[in-house]
Amino acid sequence: MLNENGTYRSQLVGGTDDYGTKCGGDLLAEGKNLDNCLGVAADDRTVYLATKPPEDDPTPTNKVVAFDLNAGQAKWKAAAPAGQTLMPIRTEGGRLLMYLAAGKNKGGGIASLPPTGGTPQMVLRHPAAATTVERGFFDSRVAYQNGRCFLMHARISGIDDEDEKSMKSVAGFGS
């Protein structure tokens, strides 16, 4: 990590955890709230990273780790609910916003944590009835603003035109 003037600030000490971010290298992020990267967020004191869920786990779950930018050390870890994963989106109003992926028969949603960590609190819960649709958005883009969450496929593809036309490309939640 660097200071504003480009001098050395710290180096993150990740420990034995394996971290996983999902960033769209083919997208340009020109606006402040284009949630182009999942799994990483930062404010002026902390960087938040998602761990990768174990590959051999049939009901994957993960953690979010907060690192102090001045020391580079982990401050705390917050576990996702069983069978679901948390991916940091951004910080807003002093809180970390995260996408909670849908689990088996569990709707996803948007959760938040204060800078001190703790148990994630739901800001917006997606309905369990939409779980199948939500889980169909593999490697999706997530946008959250003003109480609404949108999941979008980064790319639309299929075997033929009919496959592409029938593919669900956007799901919206909230009011």
N, C-alpha and C. Protein backbone atom coordinates (compact mmCIF):
# COMPACT_ATOMS: atom_id res chain seq x y z
N MET A 1 0.84 -1.17 0.00
CA MET A 1 0.00 0.00 0.00
C MET A 1 0.89 1.24 0.00
N LEU A 2 0.42 2.26 -0.69
CA LEU A 2 1.18 3.51 -0.78
C LEU A 2 0.40 4.65 -0.15
N ASN A 3 1.13 5.64 0.34
CA ASN A 3 0.52 6.87 0.82
C ASN A 3 0.13 7.74 -0.37
N GLU A 4 -0.59 8.83 -0.10
CA GLU A 4 -1.02 9.74 -1.16
C GLU A 4 0.15 10.25 -1.99
N ASN A 5 1.31 10.46 -1.37
CA ASN A 5 2.46 11.00 -2.08
C ASN A 5 3.31 9.92 -2.76
N GLY A 6 2.84 8.66 -2.71
CA GLY A 6 3.53 7.57 -3.38
C GLY A 6 4.56 6.86 -2.53
N THR A 7 4.72 7.26 -1.28
CA THR A 7 5.68 6.58 -0.40
C THR A 7 5.05 5.31 0.19
N TYR A 8 5.90 4.44 0.66
CA TYR A 8 5.47 3.16 1.22
C TYR A 8 4.60 3.37 2.46
N ARG A 9 3.47 2.69 2.52
CA ARG A 9 2.58 2.75 3.68
C ARG A 9 2.61 1.42 4.43
N SER A 10 2.35 0.32 3.73
CA SER A 10 2.37 -1.00 4.37
C SER A 10 2.27 -2.07 3.29
N GLN A 11 2.45 -3.30 3.71
CA GLN A 11 2.24 -4.45 2.82
C GLN A 11 1.29 -5.39 3.54
N LEU A 12 0.26 -5.85 2.85
CA LEU A 12 -0.70 -6.74 3.47
C LEU A 12 -0.06 -8.07 3.80
N VAL A 13 -0.35 -8.56 4.99
CA VAL A 13 0.11 -9.87 5.43
C VAL A 13 -1.12 -10.77 5.44
N GLY A 14 -1.26 -11.56 4.38
CA GLY A 14 -2.48 -12.34 4.17
C GLY A 14 -2.58 -13.63 4.94
N GLY A 15 -1.49 -14.12 5.49
CA GLY A 15 -1.54 -15.37 6.23
C GLY A 15 -1.74 -16.55 5.31
N THR A 16 -2.44 -17.56 5.78
CA THR A 16 -2.63 -18.79 5.01
C THR A 16 -3.92 -18.79 4.20
N ASP A 17 -4.74 -17.75 4.33
CA ASP A 17 -6.00 -17.70 3.57
C ASP A 17 -5.72 -17.52 2.09
N ASP A 18 -6.62 -18.06 1.27
CA ASP A 18 -6.56 -17.91 -0.18
C ASP A 18 -7.66 -16.92 -0.56
N TYR A 19 -7.30 -15.81 -1.19
CA TYR A 19 -8.26 -14.74 -1.47
C TYR A 19 -8.74 -14.82 -2.91
N GLY A 20 -9.99 -14.42 -3.11
CA GLY A 20 -10.57 -14.47 -4.45
C GLY A 20 -11.36 -13.24 -4.77
N THR A 21 -10.91 -12.52 -5.79
CA THR A 21 -11.67 -11.37 -6.28
C THR A 21 -12.15 -11.68 -7.68
N LYS A 22 -13.21 -11.02 -8.07
CA LYS A 22 -13.76 -11.17 -9.41
C LYS A 22 -13.87 -9.77 -10.00
N CYS A 23 -12.94 -9.45 -10.87
CA CYS A 23 -12.93 -8.13 -11.49
C CYS A 23 -13.06 -8.27 -12.99
N GLY A 24 -13.86 -7.40 -13.58
CA GLY A 24 -14.06 -7.42 -15.02
C GLY A 24 -13.01 -6.60 -15.73
N GLY A 25 -11.98 -7.25 -16.22
CA GLY A 25 -10.91 -6.56 -16.91
C GLY A 25 -11.35 -5.91 -18.21
N ASP A 26 -12.48 -6.39 -18.76
CA ASP A 26 -12.94 -5.86 -20.03
C ASP A 26 -13.91 -4.69 -19.86
N LEU A 27 -14.20 -4.31 -18.63
CA LEU A 27 -15.13 -3.20 -18.39
C LEU A 27 -14.37 -1.98 -17.91
N LEU A 28 -14.82 -0.83 -18.34
CA LEU A 28 -14.22 0.42 -17.88
C LEU A 28 -15.04 0.95 -16.72
N ALA A 29 -14.39 1.29 -15.64
CA ALA A 29 -15.07 1.82 -14.47
C ALA A 29 -14.83 3.32 -14.40
N GLU A 30 -15.76 4.09 -14.97
CA GLU A 30 -15.59 5.54 -14.99
C GLU A 30 -16.36 6.22 -13.87
N GLY A 31 -17.39 5.57 -13.35
CA GLY A 31 -18.19 6.18 -12.28
C GLY A 31 -17.78 5.64 -10.93
N LYS A 32 -18.13 6.37 -9.89
CA LYS A 32 -17.75 5.99 -8.53
C LYS A 32 -18.43 4.70 -8.08
N ASN A 33 -19.66 4.45 -8.48
CA ASN A 33 -20.41 3.32 -7.95
C ASN A 33 -20.64 2.20 -8.94
N LEU A 34 -19.82 2.10 -9.97
CA LEU A 34 -19.91 0.96 -10.87
C LEU A 34 -19.21 -0.19 -10.17
N ASP A 35 -19.98 -1.13 -9.66
CA ASP A 35 -19.43 -2.21 -8.87
C ASP A 35 -18.77 -3.24 -9.78
N ASN A 36 -17.61 -2.89 -10.29
CA ASN A 36 -16.91 -3.68 -11.28
C ASN A 36 -16.11 -4.82 -10.65
N CYS A 37 -15.74 -4.70 -9.41
CA CYS A 37 -14.98 -5.74 -8.72
C CYS A 37 -15.78 -6.26 -7.53
N LEU A 38 -15.92 -7.56 -7.47
CA LEU A 38 -16.49 -8.21 -6.30
C LEU A 38 -15.34 -8.84 -5.53
N GLY A 39 -15.44 -8.83 -4.23
CA GLY A 39 -14.44 -9.50 -3.41
C GLY A 39 -13.40 -8.58 -2.84
N VAL A 40 -13.42 -7.30 -3.20
CA VAL A 40 -12.46 -6.34 -2.67
C VAL A 40 -13.12 -4.97 -2.55
N ALA A 41 -12.85 -4.30 -1.44
CA ALA A 41 -13.32 -2.93 -1.22
C ALA A 41 -12.34 -2.27 -0.27
N ALA A 42 -12.35 -0.95 -0.24
CA ALA A 42 -11.43 -0.25 0.65
C ALA A 42 -11.98 1.11 1.02
N ASP A 43 -11.53 1.59 2.17
CA ASP A 43 -11.73 2.98 2.55
C ASP A 43 -10.36 3.53 2.92
N ASP A 44 -10.29 4.65 3.60
CA ASP A 44 -8.99 5.26 3.88
C ASP A 44 -8.18 4.55 4.95
N ARG A 45 -8.79 3.62 5.69
CA ARG A 45 -8.07 2.92 6.76
C ARG A 45 -8.00 1.41 6.60
N THR A 46 -8.88 0.83 5.76
CA THR A 46 -9.03 -0.62 5.72
C THR A 46 -9.24 -1.10 4.30
N VAL A 47 -8.68 -2.26 3.98
CA VAL A 47 -9.00 -2.96 2.75
C VAL A 47 -9.67 -4.26 3.16
N TYR A 48 -10.74 -4.61 2.43
CA TYR A 48 -11.53 -5.80 2.73
C TYR A 48 -11.39 -6.78 1.56
N LEU A 49 -11.06 -8.03 1.89
CA LEU A 49 -10.89 -9.06 0.86
C LEU A 49 -11.72 -10.28 1.21
N ALA A 50 -12.30 -10.91 0.19
CA ALA A 50 -13.03 -12.16 0.37
C ALA A 50 -12.08 -13.33 0.22
N THR A 51 -12.27 -14.35 1.03
CA THR A 51 -11.50 -15.57 0.86
C THR A 51 -12.23 -16.45 -0.15
N LYS A 52 -11.48 -17.35 -0.78
CA LYS A 52 -12.08 -18.32 -1.69
C LYS A 52 -12.70 -19.43 -0.87
N PRO A 53 -13.90 -19.90 -1.26
CA PRO A 53 -14.45 -21.05 -0.55
C PRO A 53 -13.65 -22.31 -0.94
N PRO A 54 -13.60 -23.30 -0.07
CA PRO A 54 -12.90 -24.54 -0.42
C PRO A 54 -13.50 -25.16 -1.69
N GLU A 55 -12.64 -25.62 -2.59
CA GLU A 55 -13.11 -26.15 -3.88
C GLU A 55 -13.88 -27.46 -3.73
N ASP A 56 -13.58 -28.26 -2.73
CA ASP A 56 -14.21 -29.57 -2.60
C ASP A 56 -15.43 -29.55 -1.69
N ASP A 57 -15.87 -28.37 -1.27
CA ASP A 57 -17.01 -28.24 -0.36
C ASP A 57 -18.31 -28.20 -1.17
N PRO A 58 -19.25 -29.14 -0.93
CA PRO A 58 -20.52 -29.13 -1.69
C PRO A 58 -21.41 -27.93 -1.33
N THR A 59 -21.23 -27.36 -0.16
CA THR A 59 -21.97 -26.16 0.24
C THR A 59 -20.96 -25.08 0.61
N PRO A 60 -20.36 -24.44 -0.41
CA PRO A 60 -19.25 -23.52 -0.16
C PRO A 60 -19.65 -22.30 0.67
N THR A 61 -18.75 -21.90 1.52
CA THR A 61 -18.90 -20.68 2.30
C THR A 61 -17.53 -20.03 2.41
N ASN A 62 -17.48 -18.79 2.78
CA ASN A 62 -16.19 -18.09 2.87
C ASN A 62 -16.20 -17.08 4.00
N LYS A 63 -15.16 -16.25 4.03
CA LYS A 63 -15.03 -15.19 5.03
C LYS A 63 -14.63 -13.90 4.32
N VAL A 64 -14.83 -12.80 5.01
CA VAL A 64 -14.31 -11.50 4.58
C VAL A 64 -13.29 -11.10 5.63
N VAL A 65 -12.11 -10.69 5.16
CA VAL A 65 -11.02 -10.31 6.07
C VAL A 65 -10.75 -8.81 5.89
N ALA A 66 -10.66 -8.11 7.02
CA ALA A 66 -10.35 -6.68 7.02
C ALA A 66 -8.89 -6.49 7.40
N PHE A 67 -8.16 -5.71 6.58
CA PHE A 67 -6.75 -5.43 6.84
C PHE A 67 -6.55 -3.96 7.15
N ASP A 68 -5.79 -3.69 8.18
CA ASP A 68 -5.42 -2.32 8.55
C ASP A 68 -4.40 -1.81 7.52
N LEU A 69 -4.69 -0.70 6.88
CA LEU A 69 -3.80 -0.17 5.85
C LEU A 69 -2.51 0.40 6.40
N ASN A 70 -2.49 0.81 7.66
CA ASN A 70 -1.26 1.34 8.24
C ASN A 70 -0.29 0.24 8.65
N ALA A 71 -0.82 -0.88 9.15
CA ALA A 71 0.04 -1.96 9.64
C ALA A 71 0.14 -3.12 8.66
N GLY A 72 -0.87 -3.28 7.78
CA GLY A 72 -0.88 -4.40 6.85
C GLY A 72 -1.41 -5.68 7.47
N GLN A 73 -1.74 -5.67 8.74
CA GLN A 73 -2.20 -6.85 9.46
C GLN A 73 -3.72 -6.99 9.40
N ALA A 74 -4.20 -8.24 9.50
CA ALA A 74 -5.63 -8.50 9.56
C ALA A 74 -6.19 -7.96 10.87
N LYS A 75 -7.32 -7.25 10.78
CA LYS A 75 -7.99 -6.72 11.97
C LYS A 75 -9.05 -7.68 12.47
N TRP A 76 -9.82 -8.25 11.53
CA TRP A 76 -10.88 -9.17 11.88
C TRP A 76 -11.30 -9.98 10.67
N LYS A 77 -12.04 -11.06 10.93
CA LYS A 77 -12.65 -11.89 9.88
C LYS A 77 -14.12 -12.05 10.21
N ALA A 78 -14.95 -12.01 9.18
CA ALA A 78 -16.39 -12.23 9.34
C ALA A 78 -16.80 -13.38 8.44
N ALA A 79 -17.47 -14.36 9.00
CA ALA A 79 -17.88 -15.54 8.25
C ALA A 79 -19.22 -15.32 7.56
N ALA A 80 -19.34 -15.88 6.36
CA ALA A 80 -20.61 -15.88 5.64
C ALA A 80 -21.52 -16.93 6.27
N PRO A 81 -22.83 -16.81 6.09
CA PRO A 81 -23.72 -17.86 6.56
C PRO A 81 -23.38 -19.18 5.86
N ALA A 82 -23.67 -20.29 6.52
CA ALA A 82 -23.37 -21.62 5.97
C ALA A 82 -24.00 -21.78 4.59
N GLY A 83 -23.22 -22.27 3.64
CA GLY A 83 -23.72 -22.53 2.29
C GLY A 83 -23.84 -21.30 1.41
N GLN A 84 -23.32 -20.16 1.86
CA GLN A 84 -23.38 -18.93 1.08
C GLN A 84 -22.02 -18.25 1.13
N THR A 85 -21.77 -17.36 0.17
CA THR A 85 -20.51 -16.62 0.14
C THR A 85 -20.78 -15.12 0.18
N LEU A 86 -19.86 -14.40 0.79
CA LEU A 86 -19.91 -12.94 0.87
C LEU A 86 -18.81 -12.36 -0.01
N MET A 87 -19.15 -11.35 -0.79
CA MET A 87 -18.18 -10.67 -1.64
C MET A 87 -18.30 -9.16 -1.41
N PRO A 88 -17.26 -8.52 -0.85
CA PRO A 88 -17.31 -7.07 -0.67
C PRO A 88 -17.57 -6.35 -2.00
N ILE A 89 -18.38 -5.31 -1.94
CA ILE A 89 -18.68 -4.48 -3.12
C ILE A 89 -17.98 -3.12 -2.98
N ARG A 90 -18.28 -2.43 -1.85
CA ARG A 90 -17.71 -1.10 -1.62
C ARG A 90 -18.01 -0.70 -0.18
N THR A 91 -17.44 0.42 0.23
CA THR A 91 -17.79 1.01 1.52
C THR A 91 -18.71 2.20 1.25
N GLU A 92 -19.63 2.41 2.18
CA GLU A 92 -20.59 3.50 2.01
C GLU A 92 -21.10 3.88 3.40
N GLY A 93 -21.03 5.14 3.72
CA GLY A 93 -21.52 5.61 5.01
C GLY A 93 -20.81 4.97 6.18
N GLY A 94 -19.53 4.67 6.02
CA GLY A 94 -18.75 4.07 7.08
C GLY A 94 -18.93 2.58 7.26
N ARG A 95 -19.71 1.94 6.39
CA ARG A 95 -19.97 0.50 6.49
C ARG A 95 -19.51 -0.20 5.22
N LEU A 96 -19.17 -1.46 5.35
CA LEU A 96 -18.81 -2.30 4.22
C LEU A 96 -20.08 -2.91 3.65
N LEU A 97 -20.32 -2.75 2.34
CA LEU A 97 -21.43 -3.41 1.67
C LEU A 97 -20.91 -4.64 0.94
N MET A 98 -21.66 -5.75 1.05
CA MET A 98 -21.24 -7.02 0.46
C MET A 98 -22.41 -7.69 -0.23
N TYR A 99 -22.12 -8.41 -1.30
CA TYR A 99 -23.13 -9.24 -1.96
C TYR A 99 -23.10 -10.60 -1.30
N LEU A 100 -24.24 -11.07 -0.82
CA LEU A 100 -24.40 -12.41 -0.27
C LEU A 100 -25.02 -13.27 -1.35
N ALA A 101 -24.26 -14.23 -1.86
CA ALA A 101 -24.75 -15.08 -2.94
C ALA A 101 -25.84 -16.01 -2.42
N ALA A 102 -26.78 -16.33 -3.29
CA ALA A 102 -27.85 -17.25 -2.93
C ALA A 102 -27.27 -18.63 -2.64
N GLY A 103 -27.85 -19.30 -1.67
CA GLY A 103 -27.48 -20.67 -1.34
C GLY A 103 -28.62 -21.60 -1.71
N LYS A 104 -28.48 -22.85 -1.40
CA LYS A 104 -29.54 -23.81 -1.69
C LYS A 104 -30.76 -23.44 -0.85
N ASN A 105 -31.84 -23.09 -1.53
CA ASN A 105 -33.10 -22.68 -0.92
C ASN A 105 -32.96 -21.44 -0.02
N LYS A 106 -31.93 -20.63 -0.23
CA LYS A 106 -31.73 -19.39 0.52
C LYS A 106 -31.48 -18.27 -0.46
N GLY A 107 -32.30 -17.24 -0.38
CA GLY A 107 -32.08 -16.09 -1.24
C GLY A 107 -30.81 -15.35 -0.84
N GLY A 108 -30.22 -14.68 -1.78
CA GLY A 108 -29.03 -13.87 -1.51
C GLY A 108 -29.44 -12.50 -1.04
N GLY A 109 -28.58 -11.53 -1.29
CA GLY A 109 -28.93 -10.17 -0.93
C GLY A 109 -27.71 -9.31 -0.71
N ILE A 110 -27.92 -8.19 -0.07
CA ILE A 110 -26.87 -7.24 0.26
C ILE A 110 -26.77 -7.19 1.78
N ALA A 111 -25.55 -7.39 2.28
CA ALA A 111 -25.30 -7.35 3.72
C ALA A 111 -24.30 -6.24 4.01
N SER A 112 -24.22 -5.84 5.27
CA SER A 112 -23.25 -4.81 5.65
C SER A 112 -22.57 -5.18 6.96
N LEU A 113 -21.41 -4.58 7.15
CA LEU A 113 -20.64 -4.72 8.39
C LEU A 113 -20.09 -3.35 8.78
N PRO A 114 -20.04 -3.07 10.09
CA PRO A 114 -19.36 -1.85 10.51
C PRO A 114 -17.85 -2.05 10.40
N PRO A 115 -17.06 -0.98 10.49
CA PRO A 115 -15.61 -1.10 10.37
C PRO A 115 -14.97 -1.95 11.47
N THR A 116 -15.74 -2.26 12.52
CA THR A 116 -15.22 -3.08 13.62
C THR A 116 -15.49 -4.56 13.43
N GLY A 117 -16.19 -4.94 12.35
CA GLY A 117 -16.49 -6.34 12.08
C GLY A 117 -17.75 -6.79 12.79
N GLY A 118 -17.85 -8.11 13.04
CA GLY A 118 -19.03 -8.65 13.69
C GLY A 118 -19.77 -9.60 12.78
N THR A 119 -21.07 -9.69 12.99
CA THR A 119 -21.93 -10.55 12.19
C THR A 119 -22.57 -9.72 11.09
N PRO A 120 -22.48 -10.17 9.83
CA PRO A 120 -23.11 -9.39 8.74
C PRO A 120 -24.61 -9.18 8.99
N GLN A 121 -25.06 -7.97 8.73
CA GLN A 121 -26.47 -7.60 8.87
C GLN A 121 -27.06 -7.40 7.48
N MET A 122 -28.23 -7.97 7.23
CA MET A 122 -28.86 -7.86 5.92
C MET A 122 -29.43 -6.46 5.71
N VAL A 123 -29.11 -5.88 4.56
CA VAL A 123 -29.64 -4.59 4.14
C VAL A 123 -30.81 -4.84 3.19
N LEU A 124 -30.65 -5.83 2.31
CA LEU A 124 -31.68 -6.21 1.35
C LEU A 124 -31.61 -7.73 1.19
N ARG A 125 -32.72 -8.41 1.46
CA ARG A 125 -32.77 -9.87 1.32
C ARG A 125 -33.53 -10.20 0.05
N HIS A 126 -32.92 -10.99 -0.83
CA HIS A 126 -33.60 -11.46 -2.03
C HIS A 126 -34.52 -12.62 -1.65
N PRO A 127 -35.67 -12.74 -2.29
CA PRO A 127 -36.61 -13.80 -1.90
C PRO A 127 -36.08 -15.20 -2.22
N ALA A 128 -36.40 -16.15 -1.34
CA ALA A 128 -35.99 -17.54 -1.56
C ALA A 128 -36.60 -18.09 -2.84
N ALA A 129 -37.75 -17.58 -3.26
CA ALA A 129 -38.40 -18.06 -4.49
C ALA A 129 -37.56 -17.75 -5.73
N ALA A 130 -36.65 -16.79 -5.63
CA ALA A 130 -35.81 -16.41 -6.77
C ALA A 130 -34.43 -17.09 -6.74
N THR A 131 -34.25 -18.04 -5.82
CA THR A 131 -32.94 -18.67 -5.65
C THR A 131 -32.44 -19.33 -6.93
N THR A 132 -33.28 -20.05 -7.63
CA THR A 132 -32.86 -20.74 -8.85
C THR A 132 -32.39 -19.74 -9.90
N VAL A 133 -33.13 -18.67 -10.07
CA VAL A 133 -32.74 -17.63 -11.03
C VAL A 133 -31.43 -16.98 -10.59
N GLU A 134 -31.34 -16.62 -9.32
CA GLU A 134 -30.15 -15.94 -8.82
C GLU A 134 -28.91 -16.82 -8.94
N ARG A 135 -29.04 -18.09 -8.64
CA ARG A 135 -27.89 -19.00 -8.73
C ARG A 135 -27.49 -19.25 -10.17
N GLY A 136 -28.37 -18.94 -11.12
CA GLY A 136 -28.05 -19.07 -12.54
C GLY A 136 -27.14 -17.96 -13.04
N PHE A 137 -26.94 -16.92 -12.22
CA PHE A 137 -26.07 -15.81 -12.59
C PHE A 137 -24.65 -16.10 -12.10
N PHE A 138 -24.01 -17.04 -12.73
CA PHE A 138 -22.65 -17.41 -12.38
C PHE A 138 -21.69 -16.33 -12.86
N ASP A 139 -20.80 -15.88 -11.99
CA ASP A 139 -19.81 -14.86 -12.33
C ASP A 139 -20.48 -13.56 -12.80
N SER A 140 -21.53 -13.17 -12.11
CA SER A 140 -22.31 -12.00 -12.53
C SER A 140 -21.70 -10.70 -12.01
N ARG A 141 -22.19 -9.62 -12.55
CA ARG A 141 -21.90 -8.28 -12.05
C ARG A 141 -23.02 -7.94 -11.07
N VAL A 142 -22.67 -7.23 -10.01
CA VAL A 142 -23.64 -6.85 -9.00
C VAL A 142 -23.61 -5.34 -8.87
N ALA A 143 -24.77 -4.73 -8.94
CA ALA A 143 -24.89 -3.29 -8.72
C ALA A 143 -25.93 -3.07 -7.63
N TYR A 144 -25.59 -2.23 -6.66
CA TYR A 144 -26.51 -1.92 -5.57
C TYR A 144 -26.54 -0.42 -5.37
N GLN A 145 -27.74 0.14 -5.39
CA GLN A 145 -27.90 1.58 -5.20
C GLN A 145 -29.32 1.86 -4.74
N ASN A 146 -29.47 2.72 -3.75
CA ASN A 146 -30.78 3.19 -3.28
C ASN A 146 -31.75 2.05 -2.99
N GLY A 147 -31.27 1.01 -2.32
CA GLY A 147 -32.15 -0.09 -1.92
C GLY A 147 -32.49 -1.08 -3.01
N ARG A 148 -31.83 -0.98 -4.15
CA ARG A 148 -32.10 -1.91 -5.27
C ARG A 148 -30.81 -2.62 -5.65
N CYS A 149 -30.94 -3.91 -5.92
CA CYS A 149 -29.80 -4.72 -6.33
C CYS A 149 -30.09 -5.32 -7.71
N PHE A 150 -29.12 -5.23 -8.59
CA PHE A 150 -29.24 -5.82 -9.92
C PHE A 150 -28.09 -6.80 -10.14
N LEU A 151 -28.45 -7.97 -10.63
CA LEU A 151 -27.46 -8.96 -11.05
C LEU A 151 -27.50 -8.99 -12.56
N MET A 152 -26.32 -8.98 -13.18
CA MET A 152 -26.24 -8.95 -14.63
C MET A 152 -25.18 -9.92 -15.10
N HIS A 153 -25.49 -10.62 -16.18
CA HIS A 153 -24.46 -11.45 -16.81
C HIS A 153 -23.46 -10.54 -17.50
N ALA A 154 -22.19 -10.86 -17.36
CA ALA A 154 -21.16 -10.06 -18.02
C ALA A 154 -21.17 -10.32 -19.52
N ARG A 155 -21.53 -11.53 -19.90
CA ARG A 155 -21.58 -11.89 -21.32
C ARG A 155 -22.81 -12.77 -21.56
N ILE A 156 -23.41 -12.60 -22.71
CA ILE A 156 -24.53 -13.43 -23.12
C ILE A 156 -24.03 -14.34 -24.24
N SER A 157 -24.22 -15.63 -24.05
CA SER A 157 -23.80 -16.55 -25.10
C SER A 157 -24.71 -17.78 -25.07
N GLY A 158 -24.70 -18.49 -26.15
CA GLY A 158 -25.48 -19.71 -26.27
C GLY A 158 -25.06 -20.47 -27.51
N ILE A 159 -25.64 -21.64 -27.67
CA ILE A 159 -25.32 -22.47 -28.83
C ILE A 159 -25.82 -21.81 -30.11
N ASP A 160 -26.98 -21.19 -30.02
CA ASP A 160 -27.55 -20.50 -31.18
C ASP A 160 -28.29 -19.25 -30.71
N ASP A 161 -28.90 -18.53 -31.65
CA ASP A 161 -29.59 -17.29 -31.32
C ASP A 161 -30.72 -17.51 -30.31
N GLU A 162 -31.45 -18.59 -30.44
CA GLU A 162 -32.56 -18.86 -29.53
C GLU A 162 -32.07 -19.06 -28.10
N ASP A 163 -30.93 -19.75 -27.94
CA ASP A 163 -30.34 -19.90 -26.60
C ASP A 163 -29.99 -18.55 -26.01
N GLU A 164 -29.40 -17.69 -26.83
CA GLU A 164 -29.02 -16.36 -26.35
C GLU A 164 -30.25 -15.53 -25.99
N LYS A 165 -31.31 -15.60 -26.79
CA LYS A 165 -32.53 -14.84 -26.53
C LYS A 165 -33.23 -15.31 -25.25
N SER A 166 -33.14 -16.59 -24.93
CA SER A 166 -33.84 -17.12 -23.77
C SER A 166 -33.04 -16.99 -22.48
N MET A 167 -31.78 -16.61 -22.57
CA MET A 167 -30.94 -16.49 -21.39
C MET A 167 -31.37 -15.29 -20.55
N LYS A 168 -31.51 -15.51 -19.25
CA LYS A 168 -31.84 -14.40 -18.34
C LYS A 168 -30.60 -13.54 -18.21
N SER A 169 -30.74 -12.26 -18.50
CA SER A 169 -29.56 -11.39 -18.50
C SER A 169 -29.51 -10.42 -17.33
N VAL A 170 -30.65 -10.09 -16.72
CA VAL A 170 -30.72 -9.16 -15.60
C VAL A 170 -31.78 -9.63 -14.63
N ALA A 171 -31.46 -9.54 -13.35
CA ALA A 171 -32.45 -9.79 -12.29
C ALA A 171 -32.39 -8.59 -11.35
N GLY A 172 -33.53 -8.07 -10.97
CA GLY A 172 -33.58 -6.92 -10.09
C GLY A 172 -34.33 -7.25 -8.80
N PHE A 173 -33.84 -6.68 -7.69
CA PHE A 173 -34.44 -6.91 -6.39
C PHE A 173 -34.55 -5.58 -5.67
N GLY A 174 -35.55 -5.43 -4.81
CA GLY A 174 -35.74 -4.21 -4.04
C GLY A 174 -36.88 -3.38 -4.59
N SER A 175 -37.06 -2.22 -3.99
CA SER A 175 -38.17 -1.36 -4.43
C SER A 175 -37.71 0.05 -4.70
